[in-house]
Amino acid sequence: ELQASGGGSVQAGGSLPLSCAMSGITLDGHAQAWFRQVPGKEREWVAVLSKSDPSKFYKDSVKGRFTMSRDYAKNAVHLQMNNLKPEDTAVYFCAAGRFVGLLENVYEYWGQGTLVTVSS
């Protein structure tokens, strides 16, 4: 079970941390990802961590602003979002799966969404 937390409202330029607790999932045995979705648009990937010795991949629009990391003590993944922009407003979802990829159908396990709202 994946449980996302940390969404909220912030002004442009601000920061928000997101977390996703992953029960029953070994971090090194699965790839993890964050996706986001705006109403009326398709869900898009934001950041991806491969399995062991993880490689990190970031969507171009968030590079240098977002950082994804693993927390082995809490068996969770985090997404630190800095210098937020209004276009980052979306529902954010965490995901995990046996394989790494940029498409949502790659991931078997999903958390509930958490809303991030960035005002200008």
N, C-alpha and C. Protein backbone atom coordinates (compact mmCIF):
# COMPACT_ATOMS: atom_id res chain seq x y z
N GLU A 1 0.85 -1.18 0.00
CA GLU A 1 0.00 0.00 0.00
C GLU A 1 0.89 1.25 0.00
N LEU A 2 0.52 2.21 -0.86
CA LEU A 2 1.25 3.47 -0.92
C LEU A 2 0.38 4.58 -0.35
N GLN A 3 0.96 5.39 0.50
CA GLN A 3 0.23 6.46 1.15
C GLN A 3 0.99 7.77 0.96
N ALA A 4 0.42 8.63 0.11
CA ALA A 4 1.06 9.92 -0.18
C ALA A 4 0.59 10.98 0.81
N SER A 5 1.48 11.91 1.10
CA SER A 5 1.13 13.01 1.99
C SER A 5 1.97 14.23 1.65
N GLY A 6 1.56 15.38 2.15
CA GLY A 6 2.38 16.58 2.03
C GLY A 6 1.89 17.64 1.07
N GLY A 7 0.81 17.40 0.38
CA GLY A 7 0.33 18.42 -0.54
C GLY A 7 -0.20 19.64 0.21
N GLY A 8 -0.50 20.67 -0.53
CA GLY A 8 -1.03 21.87 0.08
C GLY A 8 -0.96 23.04 -0.87
N SER A 9 -1.11 24.23 -0.32
CA SER A 9 -1.09 25.45 -1.12
C SER A 9 0.13 26.27 -0.77
N VAL A 10 0.74 26.87 -1.79
CA VAL A 10 1.93 27.67 -1.58
C VAL A 10 1.98 28.75 -2.65
N GLN A 11 2.66 29.83 -2.36
CA GLN A 11 2.83 30.87 -3.36
C GLN A 11 3.99 30.52 -4.27
N ALA A 12 3.97 31.09 -5.45
CA ALA A 12 5.05 30.85 -6.41
C ALA A 12 6.39 31.20 -5.77
N GLY A 13 7.36 30.33 -6.02
CA GLY A 13 8.68 30.50 -5.43
C GLY A 13 8.86 29.74 -4.13
N GLY A 14 7.78 29.24 -3.60
CA GLY A 14 7.84 28.51 -2.35
C GLY A 14 8.22 27.05 -2.54
N SER A 15 8.22 26.32 -1.44
CA SER A 15 8.62 24.92 -1.43
C SER A 15 7.58 24.05 -0.74
N LEU A 16 7.50 22.81 -1.17
CA LEU A 16 6.64 21.82 -0.52
C LEU A 16 7.33 20.47 -0.60
N PRO A 17 7.31 19.72 0.49
CA PRO A 17 7.80 18.35 0.43
C PRO A 17 6.63 17.38 0.31
N LEU A 18 6.76 16.38 -0.54
CA LEU A 18 5.80 15.30 -0.63
C LEU A 18 6.47 14.02 -0.14
N SER A 19 5.69 13.17 0.49
CA SER A 19 6.19 11.88 0.94
C SER A 19 5.24 10.78 0.52
N CYS A 20 5.79 9.59 0.38
CA CYS A 20 4.97 8.43 0.01
C CYS A 20 5.49 7.24 0.80
N ALA A 21 4.73 6.83 1.81
CA ALA A 21 5.08 5.65 2.59
C ALA A 21 4.68 4.41 1.80
N MET A 22 5.60 3.43 1.73
CA MET A 22 5.37 2.25 0.89
C MET A 22 5.35 0.99 1.73
N SER A 23 4.19 0.58 2.14
CA SER A 23 4.06 -0.64 2.94
C SER A 23 4.10 -1.86 2.03
N GLY A 24 4.90 -2.87 2.43
CA GLY A 24 4.93 -4.11 1.68
C GLY A 24 5.74 -4.04 0.39
N ILE A 25 6.49 -2.96 0.21
CA ILE A 25 7.30 -2.79 -1.00
C ILE A 25 8.73 -2.51 -0.60
N THR A 26 9.66 -3.30 -1.12
CA THR A 26 11.07 -3.06 -0.85
C THR A 26 11.58 -1.99 -1.80
N LEU A 27 12.20 -0.98 -1.24
CA LEU A 27 12.63 0.15 -2.07
C LEU A 27 13.63 -0.28 -3.14
N ASP A 28 14.61 -1.10 -2.77
CA ASP A 28 15.62 -1.50 -3.74
C ASP A 28 15.11 -2.53 -4.74
N GLY A 29 13.99 -3.15 -4.43
CA GLY A 29 13.44 -4.16 -5.33
C GLY A 29 12.43 -3.61 -6.32
N HIS A 30 12.17 -2.31 -6.23
CA HIS A 30 11.18 -1.70 -7.11
C HIS A 30 11.67 -0.33 -7.58
N ALA A 31 11.20 0.06 -8.73
CA ALA A 31 11.38 1.44 -9.16
C ALA A 31 10.24 2.26 -8.55
N GLN A 32 10.51 3.53 -8.30
CA GLN A 32 9.48 4.42 -7.78
C GLN A 32 9.38 5.66 -8.67
N ALA A 33 8.20 6.25 -8.64
CA ALA A 33 8.00 7.41 -9.50
C ALA A 33 6.96 8.35 -8.89
N TRP A 34 7.04 9.58 -9.29
CA TRP A 34 6.00 10.56 -9.01
C TRP A 34 5.41 11.00 -10.35
N PHE A 35 4.10 11.01 -10.40
CA PHE A 35 3.36 11.52 -11.55
C PHE A 35 2.48 12.68 -11.08
N ARG A 36 1.97 13.46 -12.01
CA ARG A 36 1.02 14.50 -11.66
C ARG A 36 -0.04 14.60 -12.75
N GLN A 37 -1.18 15.11 -12.35
CA GLN A 37 -2.29 15.22 -13.30
C GLN A 37 -3.09 16.48 -13.05
N VAL A 38 -3.32 17.21 -14.12
CA VAL A 38 -4.19 18.38 -14.10
C VAL A 38 -5.54 17.96 -14.68
N PRO A 39 -6.64 18.41 -14.12
CA PRO A 39 -7.96 18.03 -14.65
C PRO A 39 -8.05 18.27 -16.15
N GLY A 40 -8.51 17.24 -16.85
CA GLY A 40 -8.67 17.35 -18.29
C GLY A 40 -7.44 16.99 -19.08
N LYS A 41 -6.35 16.68 -18.38
CA LYS A 41 -5.11 16.31 -19.06
C LYS A 41 -4.66 14.93 -18.61
N GLU A 42 -3.77 14.34 -19.41
CA GLU A 42 -3.26 13.03 -19.05
C GLU A 42 -2.28 13.14 -17.88
N ARG A 43 -2.16 12.04 -17.16
CA ARG A 43 -1.19 11.97 -16.08
C ARG A 43 0.21 11.96 -16.69
N GLU A 44 1.12 12.74 -16.14
CA GLU A 44 2.47 12.81 -16.68
C GLU A 44 3.50 12.50 -15.60
N TRP A 45 4.60 11.91 -16.05
CA TRP A 45 5.63 11.59 -15.09
C TRP A 45 6.38 12.85 -14.70
N VAL A 46 6.90 12.87 -13.48
CA VAL A 46 7.64 14.02 -12.96
C VAL A 46 9.05 13.60 -12.58
N ALA A 47 9.17 12.48 -11.86
CA ALA A 47 10.48 12.02 -11.41
C ALA A 47 10.41 10.51 -11.24
N VAL A 48 11.54 9.86 -11.55
CA VAL A 48 11.61 8.40 -11.50
C VAL A 48 12.93 7.98 -10.85
N LEU A 49 12.85 6.95 -10.02
CA LEU A 49 14.04 6.33 -9.42
C LEU A 49 14.08 4.88 -9.87
N SER A 50 15.23 4.45 -10.42
CA SER A 50 15.34 3.06 -10.80
C SER A 50 15.57 2.22 -9.53
N LYS A 51 15.75 0.91 -9.71
CA LYS A 51 15.80 0.01 -8.57
C LYS A 51 17.04 0.24 -7.70
N SER A 52 17.99 -0.66 -7.80
CA SER A 52 19.18 -0.56 -6.96
C SER A 52 20.16 0.41 -7.58
N ASP A 53 21.04 0.96 -6.74
CA ASP A 53 22.00 1.98 -7.19
C ASP A 53 21.26 2.98 -8.07
N PRO A 54 20.25 3.59 -7.48
CA PRO A 54 19.21 4.22 -8.32
C PRO A 54 19.70 5.37 -9.19
N SER A 55 19.29 5.30 -10.43
CA SER A 55 19.43 6.43 -11.33
C SER A 55 18.16 7.27 -11.19
N LYS A 56 18.32 8.58 -11.30
CA LYS A 56 17.19 9.48 -11.16
C LYS A 56 16.91 10.16 -12.50
N PHE A 57 15.66 10.27 -12.80
CA PHE A 57 15.23 10.93 -14.03
C PHE A 57 14.19 11.98 -13.66
N TYR A 58 14.34 13.15 -14.23
CA TYR A 58 13.41 14.25 -13.96
C TYR A 58 12.87 14.81 -15.25
N LYS A 59 11.61 15.16 -15.23
CA LYS A 59 11.00 15.87 -16.36
C LYS A 59 11.75 17.19 -16.53
N ASP A 60 11.97 17.59 -17.76
CA ASP A 60 12.77 18.79 -18.02
C ASP A 60 12.25 20.00 -17.25
N SER A 61 10.96 20.15 -17.16
CA SER A 61 10.38 21.35 -16.55
C SER A 61 10.59 21.43 -15.04
N VAL A 62 11.02 20.33 -14.41
CA VAL A 62 11.24 20.35 -12.96
C VAL A 62 12.70 20.16 -12.59
N LYS A 63 13.55 19.91 -13.58
CA LYS A 63 14.98 19.72 -13.29
C LYS A 63 15.54 20.93 -12.58
N GLY A 64 16.34 20.66 -11.55
CA GLY A 64 16.95 21.74 -10.79
C GLY A 64 16.04 22.32 -9.72
N ARG A 65 14.76 21.92 -9.73
CA ARG A 65 13.82 22.43 -8.73
C ARG A 65 13.27 21.31 -7.83
N PHE A 66 13.08 20.13 -8.41
CA PHE A 66 12.54 18.99 -7.68
C PHE A 66 13.64 17.97 -7.42
N THR A 67 13.58 17.34 -6.25
CA THR A 67 14.53 16.29 -5.91
C THR A 67 13.79 15.10 -5.33
N MET A 68 14.00 13.94 -5.93
CA MET A 68 13.37 12.70 -5.43
C MET A 68 14.41 11.89 -4.67
N SER A 69 13.99 11.31 -3.55
CA SER A 69 14.94 10.55 -2.75
C SER A 69 14.23 9.41 -2.03
N ARG A 70 15.03 8.45 -1.58
CA ARG A 70 14.52 7.34 -0.79
C ARG A 70 14.85 7.54 0.68
N ASP A 71 13.95 7.10 1.52
CA ASP A 71 14.14 7.13 2.97
C ASP A 71 14.00 5.70 3.45
N TYR A 72 15.14 5.02 3.61
CA TYR A 72 15.11 3.61 3.97
C TYR A 72 14.60 3.42 5.40
N ALA A 73 14.83 4.35 6.27
CA ALA A 73 14.37 4.23 7.66
C ALA A 73 12.85 4.21 7.74
N LYS A 74 12.21 4.97 6.84
CA LYS A 74 10.75 5.04 6.85
C LYS A 74 10.13 4.22 5.73
N ASN A 75 10.97 3.58 4.91
CA ASN A 75 10.49 2.85 3.72
C ASN A 75 9.56 3.76 2.91
N ALA A 76 10.09 4.88 2.55
CA ALA A 76 9.29 5.89 1.86
C ALA A 76 10.14 6.57 0.80
N VAL A 77 9.47 7.25 -0.09
CA VAL A 77 10.16 8.12 -1.04
C VAL A 77 9.64 9.54 -0.84
N HIS A 78 10.49 10.50 -1.14
CA HIS A 78 10.14 11.89 -0.97
C HIS A 78 10.32 12.64 -2.28
N LEU A 79 9.58 13.70 -2.41
CA LEU A 79 9.77 14.61 -3.53
C LEU A 79 9.83 16.02 -2.94
N GLN A 80 11.03 16.58 -2.91
CA GLN A 80 11.20 17.94 -2.43
C GLN A 80 11.03 18.88 -3.62
N MET A 81 10.06 19.76 -3.51
CA MET A 81 9.73 20.67 -4.61
C MET A 81 10.07 22.10 -4.19
N ASN A 82 11.02 22.69 -4.87
CA ASN A 82 11.45 24.06 -4.58
C ASN A 82 11.14 24.97 -5.76
N ASN A 83 11.14 26.25 -5.48
CA ASN A 83 10.87 27.26 -6.52
C ASN A 83 9.64 26.87 -7.34
N LEU A 84 8.57 26.61 -6.65
CA LEU A 84 7.36 26.15 -7.31
C LEU A 84 6.76 27.23 -8.19
N LYS A 85 6.15 26.78 -9.28
CA LYS A 85 5.53 27.68 -10.24
C LYS A 85 4.04 27.35 -10.36
N PRO A 86 3.23 28.30 -10.78
CA PRO A 86 1.80 28.01 -10.93
C PRO A 86 1.52 26.80 -11.83
N GLU A 87 2.36 26.59 -12.83
CA GLU A 87 2.16 25.44 -13.72
C GLU A 87 2.49 24.11 -13.07
N ASP A 88 3.00 24.12 -11.84
CA ASP A 88 3.20 22.88 -11.09
C ASP A 88 1.93 22.45 -10.38
N THR A 89 0.90 23.28 -10.41
CA THR A 89 -0.36 22.94 -9.78
C THR A 89 -0.95 21.68 -10.40
N ALA A 90 -1.22 20.68 -9.56
CA ALA A 90 -1.71 19.39 -10.05
C ALA A 90 -1.97 18.49 -8.85
N VAL A 91 -2.60 17.35 -9.13
CA VAL A 91 -2.67 16.27 -8.15
C VAL A 91 -1.45 15.38 -8.39
N TYR A 92 -0.69 15.15 -7.37
CA TYR A 92 0.54 14.37 -7.46
C TYR A 92 0.30 12.96 -6.93
N PHE A 93 0.81 11.98 -7.67
CA PHE A 93 0.65 10.57 -7.32
C PHE A 93 2.02 9.91 -7.19
N CYS A 94 2.19 9.06 -6.20
CA CYS A 94 3.40 8.23 -6.14
C CYS A 94 3.06 6.85 -6.69
N ALA A 95 4.08 6.19 -7.21
CA ALA A 95 3.89 4.89 -7.83
C ALA A 95 5.13 4.03 -7.63
N ALA A 96 4.94 2.72 -7.70
CA ALA A 96 6.06 1.78 -7.60
C ALA A 96 5.79 0.59 -8.51
N GLY A 97 6.88 -0.03 -8.98
CA GLY A 97 6.71 -1.18 -9.85
C GLY A 97 8.00 -1.95 -10.01
N ARG A 98 7.88 -3.11 -10.62
CA ARG A 98 9.05 -3.97 -10.81
C ARG A 98 9.98 -3.43 -11.89
N PHE A 99 9.43 -2.61 -12.77
CA PHE A 99 10.21 -2.09 -13.88
C PHE A 99 10.19 -0.56 -13.85
N VAL A 100 11.20 0.03 -14.41
CA VAL A 100 11.28 1.49 -14.45
C VAL A 100 10.82 1.97 -15.81
N GLY A 101 10.11 3.06 -15.84
CA GLY A 101 9.64 3.62 -17.10
C GLY A 101 9.01 4.96 -16.87
N LEU A 102 8.61 5.60 -17.96
CA LEU A 102 8.03 6.93 -17.90
C LEU A 102 6.53 6.92 -18.14
N LEU A 103 5.97 5.75 -18.39
CA LEU A 103 4.53 5.64 -18.65
C LEU A 103 3.83 5.07 -17.43
N GLU A 104 2.63 5.53 -17.18
CA GLU A 104 1.95 5.12 -15.96
C GLU A 104 1.61 3.64 -15.96
N ASN A 105 1.44 3.03 -17.12
CA ASN A 105 1.08 1.61 -17.13
C ASN A 105 2.24 0.69 -16.77
N VAL A 106 3.42 1.25 -16.58
CA VAL A 106 4.58 0.47 -16.12
C VAL A 106 4.45 0.13 -14.63
N TYR A 107 3.75 0.93 -13.89
CA TYR A 107 3.75 0.83 -12.43
C TYR A 107 2.50 0.12 -11.92
N GLU A 108 2.72 -0.89 -11.06
CA GLU A 108 1.62 -1.70 -10.54
C GLU A 108 0.97 -1.10 -9.31
N TYR A 109 1.71 -0.32 -8.54
CA TYR A 109 1.23 0.14 -7.26
C TYR A 109 1.13 1.67 -7.27
N TRP A 110 0.01 2.16 -6.76
CA TRP A 110 -0.25 3.60 -6.78
C TRP A 110 -0.77 4.09 -5.45
N GLY A 111 -0.33 5.28 -5.08
CA GLY A 111 -0.90 5.94 -3.92
C GLY A 111 -2.07 6.81 -4.34
N GLN A 112 -2.80 7.27 -3.36
CA GLN A 112 -3.87 8.21 -3.67
C GLN A 112 -3.23 9.55 -4.00
N GLY A 113 -3.86 10.38 -4.70
CA GLY A 113 -3.27 11.66 -5.08
C GLY A 113 -3.27 12.65 -3.94
N THR A 114 -2.35 13.58 -4.03
CA THR A 114 -2.31 14.68 -3.09
C THR A 114 -2.21 15.99 -3.88
N LEU A 115 -3.07 16.94 -3.54
CA LEU A 115 -3.19 18.16 -4.33
C LEU A 115 -2.13 19.18 -3.96
N VAL A 116 -1.47 19.71 -4.97
CA VAL A 116 -0.52 20.81 -4.82
C VAL A 116 -1.05 21.99 -5.60
N THR A 117 -1.21 23.11 -4.92
CA THR A 117 -1.71 24.32 -5.56
C THR A 117 -0.69 25.44 -5.38
N VAL A 118 -0.26 26.00 -6.51
CA VAL A 118 0.73 27.09 -6.47
C VAL A 118 0.07 28.34 -7.03
N SER A 119 0.02 29.36 -6.22
CA SER A 119 -0.62 30.62 -6.65
C SER A 119 0.43 31.63 -7.06
N SER A 120 0.06 32.46 -8.00
CA SER A 120 1.01 33.46 -8.50
C SER A 120 0.98 34.73 -7.67
